[in-house]
């Protein structure tokens, strides 16, 4: 049975927001000002540590001149996990947050695990 890995799902959304923001040349402070949010919230959303409700995703998408759906993953493989991979992914996420594993490396490891 597959279950959604909520942390991975929001990391993907945050990453998409980060990419779009940088494409437009906005700083995190500029995006925060455009949305009425704090810079800390933008940082946490982009890193997947804060799970924004739909109305905030709408606000962010309007500030970035795109649709909220642009932030959603294109493939469900990227955020679903099988119960056997669940514990491995949790350890990787914890190690990444602690700085024991670089974010890019953790993302590649999780992608590899999700392939199976």
PDB file of N, CA and C in Angstrom:
ATOM      1  N   UNK A   1       0.829  -1.174   0.000  1.00  0.00           N
ATOM      2  CA  UNK A   1       0.000   0.000   0.000  1.00  0.00           C
ATOM      3  C   UNK A   1       0.885   1.253   0.000  1.00  0.00           C
ATOM      4  N   UNK A   2       0.568   2.184  -0.865  1.00  0.00           N
ATOM      5  CA  UNK A   2       1.315   3.436  -0.930  1.00  0.00           C
ATOM      6  C   UNK A   2       0.658   4.487  -0.057  1.00  0.00           C
ATOM      7  N   UNK A   3       1.488   5.255   0.610  1.00  0.00           N
ATOM      8  CA  UNK A   3       0.993   6.367   1.418  1.00  0.00           C
ATOM      9  C   UNK A   3       1.780   7.620   1.033  1.00  0.00           C
ATOM     10  N   UNK A   4       1.143   8.765   1.220  1.00  0.00           N
ATOM     11  CA  UNK A   4       1.810  10.021   0.902  1.00  0.00           C
ATOM     12  C   UNK A   4       2.832  10.336   1.977  1.00  0.00           C
ATOM     13  N   UNK A   5       4.007  10.693   1.530  1.00  0.00           N
ATOM     14  CA  UNK A   5       5.033  11.194   2.424  1.00  0.00           C
ATOM     15  C   UNK A   5       4.836  12.714   2.444  1.00  0.00           C
ATOM     16  N   UNK A   6       4.155  13.208   3.463  1.00  0.00           N
ATOM     17  CA  UNK A   6       3.784  14.618   3.540  1.00  0.00           C
ATOM     18  C   UNK A   6       5.001  15.527   3.504  1.00  0.00           C
ATOM     19  N   UNK A   7       6.060  15.151   4.202  1.00  0.00           N
ATOM     20  CA  UNK A   7       7.265  15.977   4.217  1.00  0.00           C
ATOM     21  C   UNK A   7       7.856  16.107   2.817  1.00  0.00           C
ATOM     22  N   UNK A   8       7.939  14.995   2.108  1.00  0.00           N
ATOM     23  CA  UNK A   8       8.488  15.009   0.754  1.00  0.00           C
ATOM     24  C   UNK A   8       7.590  15.811  -0.187  1.00  0.00           C
ATOM     25  N   UNK A   9       6.283  15.667  -0.033  1.00  0.00           N
ATOM     26  CA  UNK A   9       5.331  16.394  -0.857  1.00  0.00           C
ATOM     27  C   UNK A   9       5.538  17.906  -0.723  1.00  0.00           C
ATOM     28  N   UNK A  10       5.645  18.381   0.526  1.00  0.00           N
ATOM     29  CA  UNK A  10       5.817  19.814   0.745  1.00  0.00           C
ATOM     30  C   UNK A  10       7.231  20.290   0.399  1.00  0.00           C
ATOM     31  N   UNK A  11       8.217  19.417   0.478  1.00  0.00           N
ATOM     32  CA  UNK A  11       9.558  19.774   0.005  1.00  0.00           C
ATOM     33  C   UNK A  11       9.529  20.035  -1.493  1.00  0.00           C
ATOM     34  N   UNK A  12       8.789  19.219  -2.232  1.00  0.00           N
ATOM     35  CA  UNK A  12       8.669  19.398  -3.677  1.00  0.00           C
ATOM     36  C   UNK A  12       7.952  20.699  -4.012  1.00  0.00           C
ATOM     37  N   UNK A  13       6.890  21.006  -3.266  1.00  0.00           N
ATOM     38  CA  UNK A  13       6.170  22.264  -3.475  1.00  0.00           C
ATOM     39  C   UNK A  13       7.098  23.437  -3.170  1.00  0.00           C
ATOM     40  N   UNK A  14       7.786  23.376  -2.046  1.00  0.00           N
ATOM     41  CA  UNK A  14       8.704  24.445  -1.670  1.00  0.00           C
ATOM     42  C   UNK A  14       9.805  24.654  -2.689  1.00  0.00           C
ATOM     43  N   UNK A  15      10.333  23.564  -3.199  1.00  0.00           N
ATOM     44  CA  UNK A  15      11.377  23.644  -4.216  1.00  0.00           C
ATOM     45  C   UNK A  15      10.860  24.322  -5.482  1.00  0.00           C
ATOM     46  N   UNK A  16       9.640  23.998  -5.877  1.00  0.00           N
ATOM     47  CA  UNK A  16       9.041  24.622  -7.068  1.00  0.00           C
ATOM     48  C   UNK A  16       8.845  26.125  -6.854  1.00  0.00           C
ATOM     49  N   UNK A  17       8.440  26.511  -5.659  1.00  0.00           N
ATOM     50  CA  UNK A  17       8.279  27.934  -5.340  1.00  0.00           C
ATOM     51  C   UNK A  17       9.641  28.628  -5.418  1.00  0.00           C
ATOM     52  N   UNK A  18      10.650  27.994  -4.836  1.00  0.00           N
ATOM     53  CA  UNK A  18      12.000  28.550  -4.839  1.00  0.00           C
ATOM     54  C   UNK A  18      12.505  28.755  -6.268  1.00  0.00           C
ATOM     55  N   UNK A  19      12.311  27.772  -7.112  1.00  0.00           N
ATOM     56  CA  UNK A  19      12.767  27.847  -8.504  1.00  0.00           C
ATOM     57  C   UNK A  19      12.053  28.980  -9.233  1.00  0.00           C
ATOM     58  N   UNK A  20      10.740  29.064  -9.080  1.00  0.00           N
ATOM     59  CA  UNK A  20       9.960  30.109  -9.757  1.00  0.00           C
ATOM     60  C   UNK A  20      10.371  31.494  -9.259  1.00  0.00           C
ATOM     61  N   UNK A  21      10.558  31.627  -7.961  1.00  0.00           N
ATOM     62  CA  UNK A  21      10.966  32.917  -7.382  1.00  0.00           C
ATOM     63  C   UNK A  21      12.300  33.359  -7.971  1.00  0.00           C
ATOM     64  N   UNK A  22      13.244  32.432  -8.039  1.00  0.00           N
ATOM     65  CA  UNK A  22      14.569  32.761  -8.571  1.00  0.00           C
ATOM     66  C   UNK A  22      14.519  33.061 -10.070  1.00  0.00           C
ATOM     67  N   UNK A  23      13.653  32.348 -10.809  1.00  0.00           N
ATOM     68  CA  UNK A  23      13.482  32.630 -12.241  1.00  0.00           C
ATOM     69  C   UNK A  23      13.071  34.079 -12.464  1.00  0.00           C
ATOM     70  N   UNK A  24      12.226  34.578 -11.573  1.00  0.00           N
ATOM     71  CA  UNK A  24      11.739  35.948 -11.696  1.00  0.00           C
ATOM     72  C   UNK A  24      12.679  36.973 -11.071  1.00  0.00           C
ATOM     73  N   UNK A  25      13.720  36.501 -10.409  1.00  0.00           N
ATOM     74  CA  UNK A  25      14.704  37.386  -9.821  1.00  0.00           C
ATOM     75  C   UNK A  25      14.276  38.033  -8.511  1.00  0.00           C
ATOM     76  N   UNK A  26      13.289  37.427  -7.835  1.00  0.00           N
ATOM     77  CA  UNK A  26      12.833  37.961  -6.550  1.00  0.00           C
ATOM     78  C   UNK A  26      13.667  37.384  -5.407  1.00  0.00           C
ATOM     79  N   UNK A  27      13.889  38.186  -4.400  1.00  0.00           N
ATOM     80  CA  UNK A  27      14.488  37.687  -3.172  1.00  0.00           C
ATOM     81  C   UNK A  27      13.365  37.136  -2.297  1.00  0.00           C
ATOM     82  N   UNK A  28      13.740  36.430  -1.253  1.00  0.00           N
ATOM     83  CA  UNK A  28      12.727  35.935  -0.312  1.00  0.00           C
ATOM     84  C   UNK A  28      12.008  37.086   0.363  1.00  0.00           C
ATOM     85  N   UNK A  29      12.725  38.165   0.627  1.00  0.00           N
ATOM     86  CA  UNK A  29      12.104  39.343   1.252  1.00  0.00           C
ATOM     87  C   UNK A  29      11.085  39.971   0.303  1.00  0.00           C
ATOM     88  N   UNK A  30      11.432  40.057  -0.977  1.00  0.00           N
ATOM     89  CA  UNK A  30      10.492  40.634  -1.948  1.00  0.00           C
ATOM     90  C   UNK A  30       9.230  39.781  -2.060  1.00  0.00           C
ATOM     91  N   UNK A  31       9.390  38.463  -2.088  1.00  0.00           N
ATOM     92  CA  UNK A  31       8.224  37.589  -2.145  1.00  0.00           C
ATOM     93  C   UNK A  31       7.394  37.724  -0.870  1.00  0.00           C
ATOM     94  N   UNK A  32       8.054  37.804   0.259  1.00  0.00           N
ATOM     95  CA  UNK A  32       7.348  37.979   1.530  1.00  0.00           C
ATOM     96  C   UNK A  32       6.532  39.271   1.504  1.00  0.00           C
ATOM     97  N   UNK A  33       7.123  40.355   1.023  1.00  0.00           N
ATOM     98  CA  UNK A  33       6.412  41.629   0.954  1.00  0.00           C
ATOM     99  C   UNK A  33       5.223  41.572   0.009  1.00  0.00           C
ATOM    100  N   UNK A  34       5.373  40.872  -1.111  1.00  0.00           N
ATOM    101  CA  UNK A  34       4.285  40.759  -2.089  1.00  0.00           C
ATOM    102  C   UNK A  34       3.114  39.938  -1.552  1.00  0.00           C
ATOM    103  N   UNK A  35       3.397  39.019  -0.630  1.00  0.00           N
ATOM    104  CA  UNK A  35       2.347  38.130  -0.128  1.00  0.00           C
ATOM    105  C   UNK A  35       1.851  38.514   1.263  1.00  0.00           C
ATOM    106  N   UNK A  36       2.526  39.460   1.912  1.00  0.00           N
ATOM    107  CA  UNK A  36       2.153  39.822   3.277  1.00  0.00           C
ATOM    108  C   UNK A  36       2.614  38.805   4.305  1.00  0.00           C
ATOM    109  N   UNK A  37       3.537  37.961   3.902  1.00  0.00           N
ATOM    110  CA  UNK A  37       4.079  36.950   4.804  1.00  0.00           C
ATOM    111  C   UNK A  37       5.428  37.423   5.321  1.00  0.00           C
ATOM    112  N   UNK A  38       5.965  36.707   6.288  1.00  0.00           N
ATOM    113  CA  UNK A  38       7.314  37.023   6.778  1.00  0.00           C
ATOM    114  C   UNK A  38       8.340  36.282   5.916  1.00  0.00           C
ATOM    115  N   UNK A  39       9.562  36.796   5.907  1.00  0.00           N
ATOM    116  CA  UNK A  39      10.642  36.119   5.195  1.00  0.00           C
ATOM    117  C   UNK A  39      10.863  34.729   5.777  1.00  0.00           C
ATOM    118  N   UNK A  40      10.736  34.615   7.090  1.00  0.00           N
ATOM    119  CA  UNK A  40      10.916  33.319   7.750  1.00  0.00           C
ATOM    120  C   UNK A  40       9.914  32.299   7.214  1.00  0.00           C
ATOM    121  N   UNK A  41       8.681  32.727   6.998  1.00  0.00           N
ATOM    122  CA  UNK A  41       7.671  31.808   6.437  1.00  0.00           C
ATOM    123  C   UNK A  41       8.053  31.370   5.033  1.00  0.00           C
ATOM    124  N   UNK A  42       8.528  32.318   4.228  1.00  0.00           N
ATOM    125  CA  UNK A  42       8.948  31.962   2.863  1.00  0.00           C
ATOM    126  C   UNK A  42      10.091  30.954   2.914  1.00  0.00           C
ATOM    127  N   UNK A  43      11.076  31.206   3.764  1.00  0.00           N
ATOM    128  CA  UNK A  43      12.207  30.280   3.919  1.00  0.00           C
ATOM    129  C   UNK A  43      11.699  28.893   4.302  1.00  0.00           C
ATOM    130  N   UNK A  44      10.829  28.839   5.302  1.00  0.00           N
ATOM    131  CA  UNK A  44      10.331  27.549   5.791  1.00  0.00           C
ATOM    132  C   UNK A  44       9.468  26.831   4.759  1.00  0.00           C
ATOM    133  N   UNK A  45       8.684  27.573   3.992  1.00  0.00           N
ATOM    134  CA  UNK A  45       7.877  26.955   2.930  1.00  0.00           C
ATOM    135  C   UNK A  45       8.805  26.390   1.856  1.00  0.00           C
ATOM    136  N   UNK A  46       9.786  27.174   1.443  1.00  0.00           N
ATOM    137  CA  UNK A  46      10.701  26.718   0.395  1.00  0.00           C
ATOM    138  C   UNK A  46      11.513  25.502   0.827  1.00  0.00           C
ATOM    139  N   UNK A  47      11.787  25.365   2.096  1.00  0.00           N
ATOM    140  CA  UNK A  47      12.552  24.219   2.596  1.00  0.00           C
ATOM    141  C   UNK A  47      11.649  23.037   2.959  1.00  0.00           C
ATOM    142  N   UNK A  48      10.334  23.203   2.847  1.00  0.00           N
ATOM    143  CA  UNK A  48       9.404  22.123   3.161  1.00  0.00           C
ATOM    144  C   UNK A  48       9.147  21.943   4.639  1.00  0.00           C
ATOM    145  N   UNK A  49       9.546  22.917   5.449  1.00  0.00           N
ATOM    146  CA  UNK A  49       9.338  22.813   6.897  1.00  0.00           C
ATOM    147  C   UNK A  49       7.990  23.379   7.330  1.00  0.00           C
ATOM    148  N   UNK A  50       7.396  24.205   6.498  1.00  0.00           N
ATOM    149  CA  UNK A  50       6.088  24.787   6.796  1.00  0.00           C
ATOM    150  C   UNK A  50       5.133  24.338   5.703  1.00  0.00           C
ATOM    151  N   UNK A  51       3.970  23.858   6.093  1.00  0.00           N
ATOM    152  CA  UNK A  51       2.998  23.326   5.151  1.00  0.00           C
ATOM    153  C   UNK A  51       1.922  24.385   4.903  1.00  0.00           C
ATOM    154  N   UNK A  52       2.056  25.158   3.820  1.00  0.00           N
ATOM    155  CA  UNK A  52       1.135  26.260   3.593  1.00  0.00           C
ATOM    156  C   UNK A  52      -0.259  25.792   3.181  1.00  0.00           C
ATOM    157  N   UNK A  53      -1.293  26.425   3.745  1.00  0.00           N
ATOM    158  CA  UNK A  53      -2.650  26.113   3.304  1.00  0.00           C
ATOM    159  C   UNK A  53      -2.879  26.651   1.890  1.00  0.00           C
ATOM    160  N   UNK A  54      -3.964  26.225   1.278  1.00  0.00           N
ATOM    161  CA  UNK A  54      -4.242  26.585  -0.113  1.00  0.00           C
ATOM    162  C   UNK A  54      -4.291  28.089  -0.345  1.00  0.00           C
ATOM    163  N   UNK A  55      -4.850  28.832   0.598  1.00  0.00           N
ATOM    164  CA  UNK A  55      -4.955  30.271   0.366  1.00  0.00           C
ATOM    165  C   UNK A  55      -3.568  30.923   0.297  1.00  0.00           C
ATOM    166  N   UNK A  56      -2.593  30.398   1.023  1.00  0.00           N
ATOM    167  CA  UNK A  56      -1.238  30.942   0.933  1.00  0.00           C
ATOM    168  C   UNK A  56      -0.555  30.519  -0.365  1.00  0.00           C
ATOM    169  N   UNK A  57      -0.819  29.284  -0.809  1.00  0.00           N
ATOM    170  CA  UNK A  57      -0.283  28.871  -2.115  1.00  0.00           C
ATOM    171  C   UNK A  57      -0.849  29.758  -3.218  1.00  0.00           C
ATOM    172  N   UNK A  58      -2.119  30.124  -3.076  1.00  0.00           N
ATOM    173  CA  UNK A  58      -2.747  31.035  -4.047  1.00  0.00           C
ATOM    174  C   UNK A  58      -2.045  32.393  -4.018  1.00  0.00           C
ATOM    175  N   UNK A  59      -1.827  32.928  -2.821  1.00  0.00           N
ATOM    176  CA  UNK A  59      -1.150  34.226  -2.679  1.00  0.00           C
ATOM    177  C   UNK A  59       0.247  34.185  -3.310  1.00  0.00           C
ATOM    178  N   UNK A  60       0.980  33.128  -3.030  1.00  0.00           N
ATOM    179  CA  UNK A  60       2.333  32.992  -3.567  1.00  0.00           C
ATOM    180  C   UNK A  60       2.290  32.892  -5.087  1.00  0.00           C
ATOM    181  N   UNK A  61       1.361  32.102  -5.606  1.00  0.00           N
ATOM    182  CA  UNK A  61       1.273  31.949  -7.060  1.00  0.00           C
ATOM    183  C   UNK A  61       0.916  33.272  -7.730  1.00  0.00           C
ATOM    184  N   UNK A  62       0.057  34.057  -7.121  1.00  0.00           N
ATOM    185  CA  UNK A  62      -0.300  35.351  -7.699  1.00  0.00           C
ATOM    186  C   UNK A  62       0.909  36.289  -7.698  1.00  0.00           C
ATOM    187  N   UNK A  63       1.676  36.265  -6.625  1.00  0.00           N
ATOM    188  CA  UNK A  63       2.875  37.107  -6.536  1.00  0.00           C
ATOM    189  C   UNK A  63       3.929  36.681  -7.566  1.00  0.00           C
ATOM    190  N   UNK A  64       3.932  35.393  -7.913  1.00  0.00           N
ATOM    191  CA  UNK A  64       4.906  34.864  -8.865  1.00  0.00           C
ATOM    192  C   UNK A  64       4.325  34.734 -10.277  1.00  0.00           C
ATOM    193  N   UNK A  65       3.121  35.270 -10.463  1.00  0.00           N
ATOM    194  CA  UNK A  65       2.460  35.292 -11.774  1.00  0.00           C
ATOM    195  C   UNK A  65       2.365  33.905 -12.407  1.00  0.00           C
ATOM    196  N   UNK A  66       1.849  32.959 -11.624  1.00  0.00           N
ATOM    197  CA  UNK A  66       1.650  31.605 -12.137  1.00  0.00           C
ATOM    198  C   UNK A  66       0.408  31.013 -11.482  1.00  0.00           C
ATOM    199  N   UNK A  67       0.160  29.758 -11.745  1.00  0.00           N
ATOM    200  CA  UNK A  67      -0.980  29.055 -11.145  1.00  0.00           C
ATOM    201  C   UNK A  67      -0.505  28.213  -9.967  1.00  0.00           C
ATOM    202  N   UNK A  68      -1.336  28.045  -8.942  1.00  0.00           N
ATOM    203  CA  UNK A  68      -0.934  27.192  -7.814  1.00  0.00           C
ATOM    204  C   UNK A  68      -0.552  25.780  -8.260  1.00  0.00           C
ATOM    205  N   UNK A  69      -1.202  25.288  -9.303  1.00  0.00           N
ATOM    206  CA  UNK A  69      -0.902  23.930  -9.776  1.00  0.00           C
ATOM    207  C   UNK A  69       0.522  23.803 -10.304  1.00  0.00           C
ATOM    208  N   UNK A  70       1.147  24.923 -10.656  1.00  0.00           N
ATOM    209  CA  UNK A  70       2.536  24.877 -11.123  1.00  0.00           C
ATOM    210  C   UNK A  70       3.491  24.395 -10.034  1.00  0.00           C
ATOM    211  N   UNK A  71       3.071  24.505  -8.783  1.00  0.00           N
ATOM    212  CA  UNK A  71       3.920  24.106  -7.665  1.00  0.00           C
ATOM    213  C   UNK A  71       3.799  22.619  -7.333  1.00  0.00           C
ATOM    214  N   UNK A  72       2.748  21.961  -7.847  1.00  0.00           N
ATOM    215  CA  UNK A  72       2.511  20.573  -7.485  1.00  0.00           C
ATOM    216  C   UNK A  72       3.382  19.628  -8.306  1.00  0.00           C
ATOM    217  N   UNK A  73       3.818  18.539  -7.683  1.00  0.00           N
ATOM    218  CA  UNK A  73       4.657  17.562  -8.401  1.00  0.00           C
ATOM    219  C   UNK A  73       3.932  17.012  -9.622  1.00  0.00           C
ATOM    220  N   UNK A  74       4.697  16.724 -10.656  1.00  0.00           N
ATOM    221  CA  UNK A  74       4.126  16.205 -11.900  1.00  0.00           C
ATOM    222  C   UNK A  74       3.894  14.693 -11.836  1.00  0.00           C
ATOM    223  N   UNK A  75       4.591  14.015 -10.920  1.00  0.00           N
ATOM    224  CA  UNK A  75       4.488  12.569 -10.810  1.00  0.00           C
ATOM    225  C   UNK A  75       4.227  12.177  -9.363  1.00  0.00           C
ATOM    226  N   UNK A  76       3.298  11.277  -9.157  1.00  0.00           N
ATOM    227  CA  UNK A  76       3.011  10.839  -7.792  1.00  0.00           C
ATOM    228  C   UNK A  76       4.149   9.997  -7.215  1.00  0.00           C
ATOM    229  N   UNK A  77       5.011   9.420  -8.075  1.00  0.00           N
ATOM    230  CA  UNK A  77       6.145   8.633  -7.582  1.00  0.00           C
ATOM    231  C   UNK A  77       7.060   9.460  -6.683  1.00  0.00           C
ATOM    232  N   UNK A  78       7.048  10.771  -6.900  1.00  0.00           N
ATOM    233  CA  UNK A  78       7.977  11.624  -6.170  1.00  0.00           C
ATOM    234  C   UNK A  78       7.567  11.886  -4.731  1.00  0.00           C
ATOM    235  N   UNK A  79       6.330  11.557  -4.366  1.00  0.00           N
ATOM    236  CA  UNK A  79       5.941  11.802  -2.981  1.00  0.00           C
ATOM    237  C   UNK A  79       5.200  10.647  -2.325  1.00  0.00           C
ATOM    238  N   UNK A  80       4.947   9.579  -3.051  1.00  0.00           N
ATOM    239  CA  UNK A  80       4.366   8.398  -2.429  1.00  0.00           C
ATOM    240  C   UNK A  80       5.492   7.506  -1.950  1.00  0.00           C
ATOM    241  N   UNK A  81       5.237   6.789  -0.913  1.00  0.00           N
ATOM    242  CA  UNK A  81       6.228   5.834  -0.431  1.00  0.00           C
ATOM    243  C   UNK A  81       5.509   4.545  -0.067  1.00  0.00           C
ATOM    244  N   UNK A  82       6.200   3.474  -0.208  1.00  0.00           N
ATOM    245  CA  UNK A  82       5.645   2.216   0.256  1.00  0.00           C
ATOM    246  C   UNK A  82       5.959   2.107   1.740  1.00  0.00           C
ATOM    247  N   UNK A  83       5.192   1.338   2.432  1.00  0.00           N
ATOM    248  CA  UNK A  83       5.404   1.239   3.876  1.00  0.00           C
ATOM    249  C   UNK A  83       6.800   0.709   4.203  1.00  0.00           C
ATOM    250  N   UNK A  84       7.396  -0.093   3.316  1.00  0.00           N
ATOM    251  CA  UNK A  84       8.737  -0.603   3.591  1.00  0.00           C
ATOM    252  C   UNK A  84       9.810   0.483   3.461  1.00  0.00           C
ATOM    253  N   UNK A  85       9.552   1.484   2.624  1.00  0.00           N
ATOM    254  CA  UNK A  85      10.534   2.560   2.461  1.00  0.00           C
ATOM    255  C   UNK A  85      10.310   3.695   3.452  1.00  0.00           C
ATOM    256  N   UNK A  86       9.189   3.671   4.124  1.00  0.00           N
ATOM    257  CA  UNK A  86       8.816   4.766   5.025  1.00  0.00           C
ATOM    258  C   UNK A  86       9.866   5.048   6.088  1.00  0.00           C
ATOM    259  N   UNK A  87      10.343   4.018   6.745  1.00  0.00           N
ATOM    260  CA  UNK A  87      11.309   4.230   7.821  1.00  0.00           C
ATOM    261  C   UNK A  87      12.644   4.744   7.283  1.00  0.00           C
ATOM    262  N   UNK A  88      13.065   4.262   6.106  1.00  0.00           N
ATOM    263  CA  UNK A  88      14.317   4.746   5.522  1.00  0.00           C
ATOM    264  C   UNK A  88      14.211   6.229   5.180  1.00  0.00           C
ATOM    265  N   UNK A  89      13.102   6.627   4.615  1.00  0.00           N
ATOM    266  CA  UNK A  89      12.919   8.021   4.219  1.00  0.00           C
ATOM    267  C   UNK A  89      12.868   8.920   5.449  1.00  0.00           C
ATOM    268  N   UNK A  90      12.251   8.465   6.503  1.00  0.00           N
ATOM    269  CA  UNK A  90      12.207   9.254   7.732  1.00  0.00           C
ATOM    270  C   UNK A  90      13.604   9.485   8.286  1.00  0.00           C
ATOM    271  N   UNK A  91      14.443   8.459   8.247  1.00  0.00           N
ATOM    272  CA  UNK A  91      15.824   8.593   8.721  1.00  0.00           C
ATOM    273  C   UNK A  91      16.585   9.582   7.831  1.00  0.00           C
ATOM    274  N   UNK A  92      16.408   9.479   6.529  1.00  0.00           N
ATOM    275  CA  UNK A  92      17.087  10.387   5.598  1.00  0.00           C
ATOM    276  C   UNK A  92      16.641  11.827   5.847  1.00  0.00           C
ATOM    277  N   UNK A  93      15.340  12.036   6.017  1.00  0.00           N
ATOM    278  CA  UNK A  93      14.834  13.384   6.298  1.00  0.00           C
ATOM    279  C   UNK A  93      15.431  13.937   7.587  1.00  0.00           C
ATOM    280  N   UNK A  94      15.487  13.109   8.618  1.00  0.00           N
ATOM    281  CA  UNK A  94      16.039  13.552   9.899  1.00  0.00           C
ATOM    282  C   UNK A  94      17.515  13.902   9.757  1.00  0.00           C
ATOM    283  N   UNK A  95      18.262  13.040   9.076  1.00  0.00           N
ATOM    284  CA  UNK A  95      19.693  13.280   8.873  1.00  0.00           C
ATOM    285  C   UNK A  95      19.927  14.551   8.049  1.00  0.00           C
ATOM    286  N   UNK A  96      19.057  14.790   7.076  1.00  0.00           N
ATOM    287  CA  UNK A  96      19.176  15.989   6.254  1.00  0.00           C
ATOM    288  C   UNK A  96      18.911  17.245   7.083  1.00  0.00           C
ATOM    289  N   UNK A  97      17.880  17.209   7.908  1.00  0.00           N
ATOM    290  CA  UNK A  97      17.560  18.360   8.771  1.00  0.00           C
ATOM    291  C   UNK A  97      18.679  18.634   9.762  1.00  0.00           C
ATOM    292  N   UNK A  98      19.332  17.579  10.219  1.00  0.00           N
ATOM    293  CA  UNK A  98      20.424  17.724  11.178  1.00  0.00           C
ATOM    294  C   UNK A  98      21.728  18.161  10.505  1.00  0.00           C
ATOM    295  N   UNK A  99      21.744  18.143   9.203  1.00  0.00           N
ATOM    296  CA  UNK A  99      22.943  18.544   8.472  1.00  0.00           C
ATOM    297  C   UNK A  99      23.932  17.421   8.253  1.00  0.00           C
ATOM    298  N   UNK A 100      23.559  16.183   8.604  1.00  0.00           N
ATOM    299  CA  UNK A 100      24.452  15.043   8.401  1.00  0.00           C
ATOM    300  C   UNK A 100      24.532  14.636   6.934  1.00  0.00           C
ATOM    301  N   UNK A 101      23.479  14.964   6.179  1.00  0.00           N
ATOM    302  CA  UNK A 101      23.424  14.663   4.747  1.00  0.00           C
ATOM    303  C   UNK A 101      23.043  15.956   4.035  1.00  0.00           C
ATOM    304  N   UNK A 102      23.741  16.275   2.953  1.00  0.00           N
ATOM    305  CA  UNK A 102      23.394  17.465   2.176  1.00  0.00           C
ATOM    306  C   UNK A 102      22.010  17.278   1.568  1.00  0.00           C
ATOM    307  N   UNK A 103      21.267  18.379   1.431  1.00  0.00           N
ATOM    308  CA  UNK A 103      19.902  18.323   0.918  1.00  0.00           C
ATOM    309  C   UNK A 103      19.842  17.660  -0.459  1.00  0.00           C
ATOM    310  N   UNK A 104      20.810  18.016  -1.332  1.00  0.00           N
ATOM    311  CA  UNK A 104      20.816  17.434  -2.678  1.00  0.00           C
ATOM    312  C   UNK A 104      21.017  15.924  -2.621  1.00  0.00           C
ATOM    313  N   UNK A 105      21.913  15.485  -1.751  1.00  0.00           N
ATOM    314  CA  UNK A 105      22.176  14.050  -1.610  1.00  0.00           C
ATOM    315  C   UNK A 105      20.958  13.331  -1.054  1.00  0.00           C
ATOM    316  N   UNK A 106      20.329  13.941  -0.045  1.00  0.00           N
ATOM    317  CA  UNK A 106      19.134  13.335   0.544  1.00  0.00           C
ATOM    318  C   UNK A 106      18.039  13.201  -0.500  1.00  0.00           C
ATOM    319  N   UNK A 107      17.871  14.224  -1.320  1.00  0.00           N
ATOM    320  CA  UNK A 107      16.847  14.193  -2.366  1.00  0.00           C
ATOM    321  C   UNK A 107      17.120  13.075  -3.367  1.00  0.00           C
ATOM    322  N   UNK A 108      18.377  12.900  -3.755  1.00  0.00           N
ATOM    323  CA  UNK A 108      18.737  11.828  -4.696  1.00  0.00           C
ATOM    324  C   UNK A 108      18.511  10.451  -4.081  1.00  0.00           C
ATOM    325  N   UNK A 109      18.867  10.310  -2.812  1.00  0.00           N
ATOM    326  CA  UNK A 109      18.670   9.016  -2.134  1.00  0.00           C
ATOM    327  C   UNK A 109      17.181   8.690  -2.065  1.00  0.00           C
ATOM    328  N   UNK A 110      16.365   9.687  -1.685  1.00  0.00           N
ATOM    329  CA  UNK A 110      14.919   9.461  -1.590  1.00  0.00           C
ATOM    330  C   UNK A 110      14.321   9.128  -2.950  1.00  0.00           C
ATOM    331  N   UNK A 111      14.792   9.797  -3.997  1.00  0.00           N
ATOM    332  CA  UNK A 111      14.307   9.488  -5.353  1.00  0.00           C
ATOM    333  C   UNK A 111      14.633   8.056  -5.720  1.00  0.00           C
ATOM    334  N   UNK A 112      15.851   7.623  -5.383  1.00  0.00           N
ATOM    335  CA  UNK A 112      16.275   6.265  -5.671  1.00  0.00           C
ATOM    336  C   UNK A 112      15.371   5.260  -4.931  1.00  0.00           C
ATOM    337  N   UNK A 113      15.110   5.514  -3.657  1.00  0.00           N
ATOM    338  CA  UNK A 113      14.259   4.633  -2.861  1.00  0.00           C
ATOM    339  C   UNK A 113      12.853   4.567  -3.440  1.00  0.00           C
ATOM    340  N   UNK A 114      12.336   5.711  -3.868  1.00  0.00           N
ATOM    341  CA  UNK A 114      10.975   5.770  -4.392  1.00  0.00           C
ATOM    342  C   UNK A 114      10.824   5.075  -5.739  1.00  0.00           C
ATOM    343  N   UNK A 115      11.930   4.830  -6.426  1.00  0.00           N
ATOM    344  CA  UNK A 115      11.878   4.104  -7.685  1.00  0.00           C
ATOM    345  C   UNK A 115      11.434   2.656  -7.486  1.00  0.00           C
ATOM    346  N   UNK A 116      11.633   2.142  -6.260  1.00  0.00           N
ATOM    347  CA  UNK A 116      11.345   0.733  -5.981  1.00  0.00           C
ATOM    348  C   UNK A 116      10.108   0.536  -5.223  1.00  0.00           C
TER     349      UNK A 116
END
